[in-house]
Amino acid sequence: MENINVETRKMIIFQLEDEEYAVSVNQIGSIERLMPITRIPQTEPFVKGVINLRGVIIPVIDLRLRFNMQIAELNDNNRIIIAKFNEVEVGLIVDSANDVIDIPVDEIEPAPEVIGTVDADYIEGVAKIENRLLILLDLPEVLSLQELDELQLMEGQ
């Protein structure tokens, strides 16, 4: 019982293809089942549209498309993670949301140059917990400032 005061970060774990990703719970509002998405014309292909979540209009992006992964058929396992950053709420479609875990800060390593198909700019770091390799996403980097401005305009519609 040596490291009693180990600093940890509480992270939500989700899946895209065969990889597990993690985002800080501080950036997450909720995890929702799939719901009807209203398509918005003339947006980036990864922007699926908007949802009406309890009276709030939230833009939704498909993380598979954002990371240039193969398109997959949506099913009952898919979830929409409602993330909030830079004062914008955005829904992120993921293959599944697995669990919430505490990751010791000293287990987080800097991102290697290349991880699968995900651009290294989007990655805050990686952590190996038991037999799992978790890729920690830097959510503000997932969307550029220009894209965030466009999504903010969608929220206001």
C-alpha atoms as a PDB file:
ATOM      1  CA  MET A   1       0.000   0.000   0.000  1.00  0.00           C
ATOM      2  CA  GLU A   2       2.707   2.488  -0.974  1.00  0.00           C
ATOM      3  CA  ASN A   3       1.167   4.883  -3.513  1.00  0.00           C
ATOM      4  CA  ILE A   4      -1.935   5.872  -1.588  1.00  0.00           C
ATOM      5  CA  ASN A   5      -2.119   9.365  -3.110  1.00  0.00           C
ATOM      6  CA  VAL A   6      -1.649   8.426  -6.773  1.00  0.00           C
ATOM      7  CA  GLU A   7      -3.081  11.166  -8.978  1.00  0.00           C
ATOM      8  CA  THR A   8      -5.637   9.768 -11.428  1.00  0.00           C
ATOM      9  CA  ARG A   9      -7.802  11.035 -14.263  1.00  0.00           C
ATOM     10  CA  LYS A  10     -11.359   9.739 -14.586  1.00  0.00           C
ATOM     11  CA  MET A  11     -11.899   8.795 -18.235  1.00  0.00           C
ATOM     12  CA  ILE A  12     -14.788   7.486 -20.328  1.00  0.00           C
ATOM     13  CA  ILE A  13     -13.703   4.610 -22.561  1.00  0.00           C
ATOM     14  CA  PHE A  14     -15.280   4.095 -25.979  1.00  0.00           C
ATOM     15  CA  GLN A  15     -14.623   2.001 -29.039  1.00  0.00           C
ATOM     16  CA  LEU A  16     -13.996   2.836 -32.703  1.00  0.00           C
ATOM     17  CA  GLU A  17     -13.206  -0.147 -34.912  1.00  0.00           C
ATOM     18  CA  ASP A  18     -10.794  -2.298 -32.870  1.00  0.00           C
ATOM     19  CA  GLU A  19      -9.302   0.534 -30.830  1.00  0.00           C
ATOM     20  CA  GLU A  20     -10.256   1.838 -27.398  1.00  0.00           C
ATOM     21  CA  TYR A  21     -10.248   5.594 -26.844  1.00  0.00           C
ATOM     22  CA  ALA A  22     -10.561   7.644 -23.686  1.00  0.00           C
ATOM     23  CA  VAL A  23     -11.798  11.157 -22.977  1.00  0.00           C
ATOM     24  CA  SER A  24     -11.915  12.975 -19.670  1.00  0.00           C
ATOM     25  CA  VAL A  25     -15.279  12.794 -17.913  1.00  0.00           C
ATOM     26  CA  ASN A  26     -14.917  16.543 -17.280  1.00  0.00           C
ATOM     27  CA  GLN A  27     -15.573  17.100 -20.989  1.00  0.00           C
ATOM     28  CA  ILE A  28     -18.631  14.808 -21.176  1.00  0.00           C
ATOM     29  CA  GLY A  29     -22.205  15.825 -20.445  1.00  0.00           C
ATOM     30  CA  SER A  30     -23.917  12.499 -21.104  1.00  0.00           C
ATOM     31  CA  ILE A  31     -23.920   9.322 -23.169  1.00  0.00           C
ATOM     32  CA  GLU A  32     -27.054   8.809 -25.240  1.00  0.00           C
ATOM     33  CA  ARG A  33     -28.518   6.048 -27.381  1.00  0.00           C
ATOM     34  CA  LEU A  34     -28.808   6.771 -31.087  1.00  0.00           C
ATOM     35  CA  MET A  35     -31.719   9.031 -31.945  1.00  0.00           C
ATOM     36  CA  PRO A  36     -33.019  10.631 -35.130  1.00  0.00           C
ATOM     37  CA  ILE A  37     -30.426  12.966 -36.644  1.00  0.00           C
ATOM     38  CA  THR A  38     -31.549  15.811 -38.901  1.00  0.00           C
ATOM     39  CA  ARG A  39     -29.103  16.235 -41.781  1.00  0.00           C
ATOM     40  CA  ILE A  40     -27.773  19.746 -42.432  1.00  0.00           C
ATOM     41  CA  PRO A  41     -26.872  20.481 -46.077  1.00  0.00           C
ATOM     42  CA  GLN A  42     -23.461  21.817 -47.094  1.00  0.00           C
ATOM     43  CA  THR A  43     -21.560  20.530 -44.067  1.00  0.00           C
ATOM     44  CA  GLU A  44     -18.459  18.361 -43.860  1.00  0.00           C
ATOM     45  CA  PRO A  45     -19.203  14.645 -44.517  1.00  0.00           C
ATOM     46  CA  PHE A  46     -18.322  13.736 -40.904  1.00  0.00           C
ATOM     47  CA  VAL A  47     -21.000  16.145 -39.611  1.00  0.00           C
ATOM     48  CA  LYS A  48     -24.052  13.885 -39.527  1.00  0.00           C
ATOM     49  CA  GLY A  49     -26.480  16.696 -38.631  1.00  0.00           C
ATOM     50  CA  VAL A  50     -28.182  17.827 -35.443  1.00  0.00           C
ATOM     51  CA  ILE A  51     -30.225  16.211 -32.695  1.00  0.00           C
ATOM     52  CA  ASN A  52     -32.785  17.719 -30.354  1.00  0.00           C
ATOM     53  CA  LEU A  53     -31.694  16.571 -26.909  1.00  0.00           C
ATOM     54  CA  ARG A  54     -34.172  17.661 -24.253  1.00  0.00           C
ATOM     55  CA  GLY A  55     -34.883  20.889 -26.151  1.00  0.00           C
ATOM     56  CA  VAL A  56     -31.241  21.659 -26.971  1.00  0.00           C
ATOM     57  CA  ILE A  57     -30.068  21.469 -30.593  1.00  0.00           C
ATOM     58  CA  ILE A  58     -26.701  19.683 -30.690  1.00  0.00           C
ATOM     59  CA  PRO A  59     -24.545  19.082 -33.771  1.00  0.00           C
ATOM     60  CA  VAL A  60     -23.426  15.465 -34.204  1.00  0.00           C
ATOM     61  CA  ILE A  61     -20.236  14.217 -35.805  1.00  0.00           C
ATOM     62  CA  ASP A  62     -19.294  10.662 -36.707  1.00  0.00           C
ATOM     63  CA  LEU A  63     -15.849  10.033 -35.211  1.00  0.00           C
ATOM     64  CA  ARG A  64     -15.228   7.177 -37.660  1.00  0.00           C
ATOM     65  CA  LEU A  65     -15.581   9.607 -40.564  1.00  0.00           C
ATOM     66  CA  ARG A  66     -13.657  12.334 -38.738  1.00  0.00           C
ATOM     67  CA  PHE A  67     -10.724   9.942 -38.342  1.00  0.00           C
ATOM     68  CA  ASN A  68     -11.021   8.646 -41.939  1.00  0.00           C
ATOM     69  CA  MET A  69     -11.999   5.154 -40.794  1.00  0.00           C
ATOM     70  CA  GLN A  70     -14.186   2.756 -42.703  1.00  0.00           C
ATOM     71  CA  ILE A  71     -17.902   3.612 -42.556  1.00  0.00           C
ATOM     72  CA  ALA A  72     -19.888   1.114 -40.493  1.00  0.00           C
ATOM     73  CA  GLU A  73     -23.589   0.379 -40.292  1.00  0.00           C
ATOM     74  CA  LEU A  74     -25.095   1.973 -37.185  1.00  0.00           C
ATOM     75  CA  ASN A  75     -26.591  -0.458 -34.659  1.00  0.00           C
ATOM     76  CA  ASP A  76     -27.907  -0.710 -31.092  1.00  0.00           C
ATOM     77  CA  ASN A  77     -24.381  -0.623 -29.644  1.00  0.00           C
ATOM     78  CA  ASN A  78     -23.623   2.814 -31.083  1.00  0.00           C
ATOM     79  CA  ARG A  79     -23.757   5.731 -28.675  1.00  0.00           C
ATOM     80  CA  ILE A  80     -23.692   9.496 -28.952  1.00  0.00           C
ATOM     81  CA  ILE A  81     -21.297  10.977 -26.429  1.00  0.00           C
ATOM     82  CA  ILE A  82     -22.301  14.562 -25.652  1.00  0.00           C
ATOM     83  CA  ALA A  83     -19.047  16.462 -25.228  1.00  0.00           C
ATOM     84  CA  LYS A  84     -18.607  20.087 -24.244  1.00  0.00           C
ATOM     85  CA  PHE A  85     -15.545  22.111 -25.083  1.00  0.00           C
ATOM     86  CA  ASN A  86     -14.939  25.742 -26.030  1.00  0.00           C
ATOM     87  CA  GLU A  87     -18.544  26.471 -24.929  1.00  0.00           C
ATOM     88  CA  VAL A  88     -19.913  24.213 -27.691  1.00  0.00           C
ATOM     89  CA  GLU A  89     -21.822  20.969 -27.096  1.00  0.00           C
ATOM     90  CA  VAL A  90     -21.177  18.335 -29.744  1.00  0.00           C
ATOM     91  CA  GLY A  91     -22.468  14.786 -30.101  1.00  0.00           C
ATOM     92  CA  LEU A  92     -19.835  12.207 -31.049  1.00  0.00           C
ATOM     93  CA  ILE A  93     -21.053   8.964 -32.630  1.00  0.00           C
ATOM     94  CA  VAL A  94     -18.938   6.047 -31.375  1.00  0.00           C
ATOM     95  CA  ASP A  95     -19.204   2.282 -31.886  1.00  0.00           C
ATOM     96  CA  SER A  96     -19.843   1.708 -28.182  1.00  0.00           C
ATOM     97  CA  ALA A  97     -19.161   3.340 -24.827  1.00  0.00           C
ATOM     98  CA  ASN A  98     -17.570   0.755 -22.586  1.00  0.00           C
ATOM     99  CA  ASP A  99     -16.910   2.083 -19.117  1.00  0.00           C
ATOM    100  CA  VAL A 100     -15.478   4.761 -16.856  1.00  0.00           C
ATOM    101  CA  ILE A 101     -12.100   4.145 -15.275  1.00  0.00           C
ATOM    102  CA  ASP A 102      -9.472   6.005 -13.271  1.00  0.00           C
ATOM    103  CA  ILE A 103      -6.167   6.166 -15.123  1.00  0.00           C
ATOM    104  CA  PRO A 104      -3.088   6.923 -13.003  1.00  0.00           C
ATOM    105  CA  VAL A 105      -1.461  10.052 -14.444  1.00  0.00           C
ATOM    106  CA  ASP A 106       1.962   8.376 -14.350  1.00  0.00           C
ATOM    107  CA  GLU A 107       0.619   5.635 -16.687  1.00  0.00           C
ATOM    108  CA  ILE A 108      -0.104   8.189 -19.441  1.00  0.00           C
ATOM    109  CA  GLU A 109       2.632   8.402 -22.067  1.00  0.00           C
ATOM    110  CA  PRO A 110       3.040  10.969 -24.845  1.00  0.00           C
ATOM    111  CA  ALA A 111       1.397  10.070 -28.139  1.00  0.00           C
ATOM    112  CA  PRO A 112       3.599   8.181 -30.595  1.00  0.00           C
ATOM    113  CA  GLU A 113       3.925   9.691 -34.080  1.00  0.00           C
ATOM    114  CA  VAL A 114       1.453   7.313 -35.743  1.00  0.00           C
ATOM    115  CA  ILE A 115      -1.422   5.414 -34.165  1.00  0.00           C
ATOM    116  CA  GLY A 116      -3.592   3.481 -36.607  1.00  0.00           C
ATOM    117  CA  THR A 117      -5.535   5.893 -38.759  1.00  0.00           C
ATOM    118  CA  VAL A 118      -6.049   8.645 -36.195  1.00  0.00           C
ATOM    119  CA  ASP A 119      -4.063  11.820 -36.815  1.00  0.00           C
ATOM    120  CA  ALA A 120      -1.491  12.242 -34.014  1.00  0.00           C
ATOM    121  CA  ASP A 121      -2.671  15.849 -33.531  1.00  0.00           C
ATOM    122  CA  TYR A 122      -5.900  14.490 -32.024  1.00  0.00           C
ATOM    123  CA  ILE A 123      -4.083  12.388 -29.439  1.00  0.00           C
ATOM    124  CA  GLU A 124      -3.182  13.632 -25.982  1.00  0.00           C
ATOM    125  CA  GLY A 125      -1.391  10.435 -25.025  1.00  0.00           C
ATOM    126  CA  VAL A 126      -1.711   6.692 -24.565  1.00  0.00           C
ATOM    127  CA  ALA A 127      -2.090   4.554 -21.470  1.00  0.00           C
ATOM    128  CA  LYS A 128      -1.580   0.838 -21.022  1.00  0.00           C
ATOM    129  CA  ILE A 129      -3.930  -0.399 -18.326  1.00  0.00           C
ATOM    130  CA  GLU A 130      -3.804  -4.147 -17.660  1.00  0.00           C
ATOM    131  CA  ASN A 131      -4.053  -5.681 -21.175  1.00  0.00           C
ATOM    132  CA  ARG A 132      -5.642  -2.613 -22.766  1.00  0.00           C
ATOM    133  CA  LEU A 133      -4.044   0.138 -24.815  1.00  0.00           C
ATOM    134  CA  LEU A 134      -6.118   3.297 -24.447  1.00  0.00           C
ATOM    135  CA  ILE A 135      -5.735   6.245 -26.805  1.00  0.00           C
ATOM    136  CA  LEU A 136      -6.483   9.500 -24.973  1.00  0.00           C
ATOM    137  CA  LEU A 137      -8.147  11.986 -27.296  1.00  0.00           C
ATOM    138  CA  ASP A 138      -7.598  15.720 -27.131  1.00  0.00           C
ATOM    139  CA  LEU A 139     -11.184  16.751 -27.932  1.00  0.00           C
ATOM    140  CA  PRO A 140     -10.514  20.406 -28.792  1.00  0.00           C
ATOM    141  CA  GLU A 141      -8.022  19.181 -31.409  1.00  0.00           C
ATOM    142  CA  VAL A 142     -10.581  16.792 -32.939  1.00  0.00           C
ATOM    143  CA  LEU A 143     -12.335  19.852 -34.356  1.00  0.00           C
ATOM    144  CA  SER A 144     -10.562  22.869 -35.751  1.00  0.00           C
ATOM    145  CA  LEU A 145     -11.533  26.347 -34.568  1.00  0.00           C
ATOM    146  CA  GLN A 146     -13.298  27.010 -37.885  1.00  0.00           C
ATOM    147  CA  GLU A 147     -15.316  23.789 -37.512  1.00  0.00           C
ATOM    148  CA  LEU A 148     -16.230  24.726 -33.944  1.00  0.00           C
ATOM    149  CA  ASP A 149     -17.510  28.090 -35.190  1.00  0.00           C
ATOM    150  CA  GLU A 150     -19.640  26.308 -37.813  1.00  0.00           C
ATOM    151  CA  LEU A 151     -21.016  23.911 -35.198  1.00  0.00           C
ATOM    152  CA  GLN A 152     -21.806  26.828 -32.907  1.00  0.00           C
ATOM    153  CA  LEU A 153     -23.865  28.352 -35.728  1.00  0.00           C
ATOM    154  CA  MET A 154     -25.726  25.038 -36.103  1.00  0.00           C
ATOM    155  CA  GLU A 155     -26.447  24.977 -32.354  1.00  0.00           C
ATOM    156  CA  GLY A 156     -28.106  28.374 -32.687  1.00  0.00           C
ATOM    157  CA  GLN A 157     -30.514  27.263 -35.435  1.00  0.00           C
END
